[in-house]
Amino acid sequence: MTEKERINDPVDSFDGGYHLFAKEQHKKRVRKTPDRINYAIRQFEH
C-alpha cells in the first residue's frame, strides 16, 4: 500500500489511520520548537 493509498483510505492501512494523526501532531510540536527555545532563553536572562 502506497502512502497516497493510505491517505485516501486510512481505515485500510496497517494502523487504521493513526499514522496520519501522529504525523500532524509531530508537525505541531516541531512548529512550537522556536517558541520553546526563546522561552527558555528568557528564563535564564531574568
N, C-alpha and C. Protein backbone atom coordinates (compact mmCIF):
# COMPACT_ATOMS: atom_id res chain seq x y z
N MET A 1 0.85 -1.18 0.00
CA MET A 1 0.00 0.00 0.00
C MET A 1 0.90 1.24 0.00
N THR A 2 0.66 2.12 -0.94
CA THR A 2 1.47 3.33 -1.04
C THR A 2 0.97 4.39 -0.06
N GLU A 3 1.77 5.42 0.14
CA GLU A 3 1.38 6.50 1.05
C GLU A 3 0.10 7.18 0.56
N LYS A 4 0.01 7.38 -0.74
CA LYS A 4 -1.19 8.02 -1.30
C LYS A 4 -2.44 7.17 -1.03
N GLU A 5 -2.32 5.86 -1.17
CA GLU A 5 -3.45 4.98 -0.87
C GLU A 5 -3.82 5.03 0.61
N ARG A 6 -2.83 5.09 1.48
CA ARG A 6 -3.11 5.18 2.93
C ARG A 6 -3.82 6.47 3.27
N ILE A 7 -3.43 7.57 2.64
CA ILE A 7 -4.06 8.86 2.91
C ILE A 7 -5.49 8.88 2.39
N ASN A 8 -5.71 8.32 1.22
CA ASN A 8 -7.05 8.31 0.64
C ASN A 8 -8.01 7.40 1.39
N ASP A 9 -7.53 6.31 1.94
CA ASP A 9 -8.38 5.37 2.66
C ASP A 9 -7.64 4.86 3.90
N PRO A 10 -7.53 5.69 4.94
CA PRO A 10 -6.72 5.33 6.11
C PRO A 10 -7.23 4.12 6.88
N VAL A 11 -8.50 3.82 6.78
CA VAL A 11 -9.05 2.69 7.54
C VAL A 11 -8.42 1.37 7.10
N ASP A 12 -8.09 1.25 5.84
CA ASP A 12 -7.49 0.02 5.33
C ASP A 12 -5.99 -0.06 5.57
N SER A 13 -5.40 0.98 6.13
CA SER A 13 -3.96 0.95 6.35
C SER A 13 -3.63 0.09 7.57
N PHE A 14 -2.35 -0.14 7.78
CA PHE A 14 -1.91 -1.05 8.84
C PHE A 14 -2.29 -0.59 10.24
N ASP A 15 -2.49 0.71 10.43
CA ASP A 15 -2.79 1.21 11.77
C ASP A 15 -4.12 1.96 11.86
N GLY A 16 -4.95 1.82 10.85
CA GLY A 16 -6.26 2.45 10.88
C GLY A 16 -6.21 3.97 10.78
N GLY A 17 -5.15 4.50 10.25
CA GLY A 17 -5.04 5.94 10.07
C GLY A 17 -4.28 6.66 11.18
N TYR A 18 -3.82 5.92 12.18
CA TYR A 18 -3.12 6.57 13.28
C TYR A 18 -1.87 7.31 12.80
N HIS A 19 -1.22 6.80 11.76
CA HIS A 19 -0.01 7.44 11.26
C HIS A 19 -0.28 8.87 10.80
N LEU A 20 -1.48 9.11 10.27
CA LEU A 20 -1.82 10.48 9.84
C LEU A 20 -1.96 11.40 11.05
N PHE A 21 -2.58 10.90 12.11
CA PHE A 21 -2.72 11.68 13.34
C PHE A 21 -1.34 11.96 13.94
N ALA A 22 -0.49 10.95 13.99
CA ALA A 22 0.84 11.11 14.57
C ALA A 22 1.67 12.11 13.76
N LYS A 23 1.54 12.06 12.45
CA LYS A 23 2.28 12.99 11.59
C LYS A 23 1.85 14.43 11.85
N GLU A 24 0.56 14.66 12.01
CA GLU A 24 0.04 16.01 12.29
C GLU A 24 0.50 16.49 13.66
N GLN A 25 0.47 15.62 14.66
CA GLN A 25 0.94 16.00 15.99
C GLN A 25 2.42 16.36 15.97
N HIS A 26 3.20 15.62 15.22
CA HIS A 26 4.63 15.90 15.09
C HIS A 26 4.83 17.29 14.48
N LYS A 27 4.07 17.61 13.44
CA LYS A 27 4.19 18.93 12.81
C LYS A 27 3.89 20.05 13.81
N LYS A 28 2.88 19.85 14.66
CA LYS A 28 2.53 20.86 15.66
C LYS A 28 3.66 21.05 16.66
N ARG A 29 4.28 19.94 17.10
CA ARG A 29 5.37 20.04 18.08
C ARG A 29 6.58 20.74 17.46
N VAL A 30 6.90 20.41 16.22
CA VAL A 30 8.07 21.00 15.57
C VAL A 30 7.85 22.50 15.36
N ARG A 31 6.62 22.89 15.04
CA ARG A 31 6.32 24.31 14.85
C ARG A 31 6.55 25.11 16.13
N LYS A 32 6.33 24.50 17.28
CA LYS A 32 6.48 25.18 18.57
C LYS A 32 7.93 25.29 19.02
N THR A 33 8.84 24.56 18.41
CA THR A 33 10.21 24.49 18.89
C THR A 33 10.88 25.87 19.02
N PRO A 34 10.83 26.76 18.02
CA PRO A 34 11.47 28.08 18.19
C PRO A 34 10.90 28.86 19.37
N ASP A 35 9.59 28.78 19.59
CA ASP A 35 8.99 29.47 20.72
C ASP A 35 9.49 28.91 22.04
N ARG A 36 9.66 27.61 22.10
CA ARG A 36 10.15 26.97 23.33
C ARG A 36 11.59 27.37 23.61
N ILE A 37 12.39 27.45 22.58
CA ILE A 37 13.79 27.85 22.74
C ILE A 37 13.86 29.29 23.24
N ASN A 38 13.08 30.18 22.62
CA ASN A 38 13.06 31.58 23.06
C ASN A 38 12.59 31.71 24.50
N TYR A 39 11.60 30.94 24.87
CA TYR A 39 11.10 30.97 26.24
C TYR A 39 12.18 30.54 27.22
N ALA A 40 12.90 29.49 26.90
CA ALA A 40 13.97 29.00 27.77
C ALA A 40 15.07 30.03 27.92
N ILE A 41 15.42 30.70 26.83
CA ILE A 41 16.46 31.73 26.88
C ILE A 41 16.01 32.87 27.78
N ARG A 42 14.76 33.28 27.66
CA ARG A 42 14.23 34.38 28.50
C ARG A 42 14.26 34.00 29.97
N GLN A 43 14.06 32.73 30.30
CA GLN A 43 14.08 32.30 31.69
C GLN A 43 15.47 32.48 32.30
N PHE A 44 16.51 32.26 31.52
CA PHE A 44 17.87 32.42 32.02
C PHE A 44 18.30 33.87 32.09
N GLU A 45 17.66 34.74 31.32
CA GLU A 45 18.04 36.16 31.32
C GLU A 45 17.55 36.89 32.55
N HIS A 46 16.49 36.40 33.18
CA HIS A 46 15.92 37.12 34.33
C HIS A 46 16.44 36.61 35.63
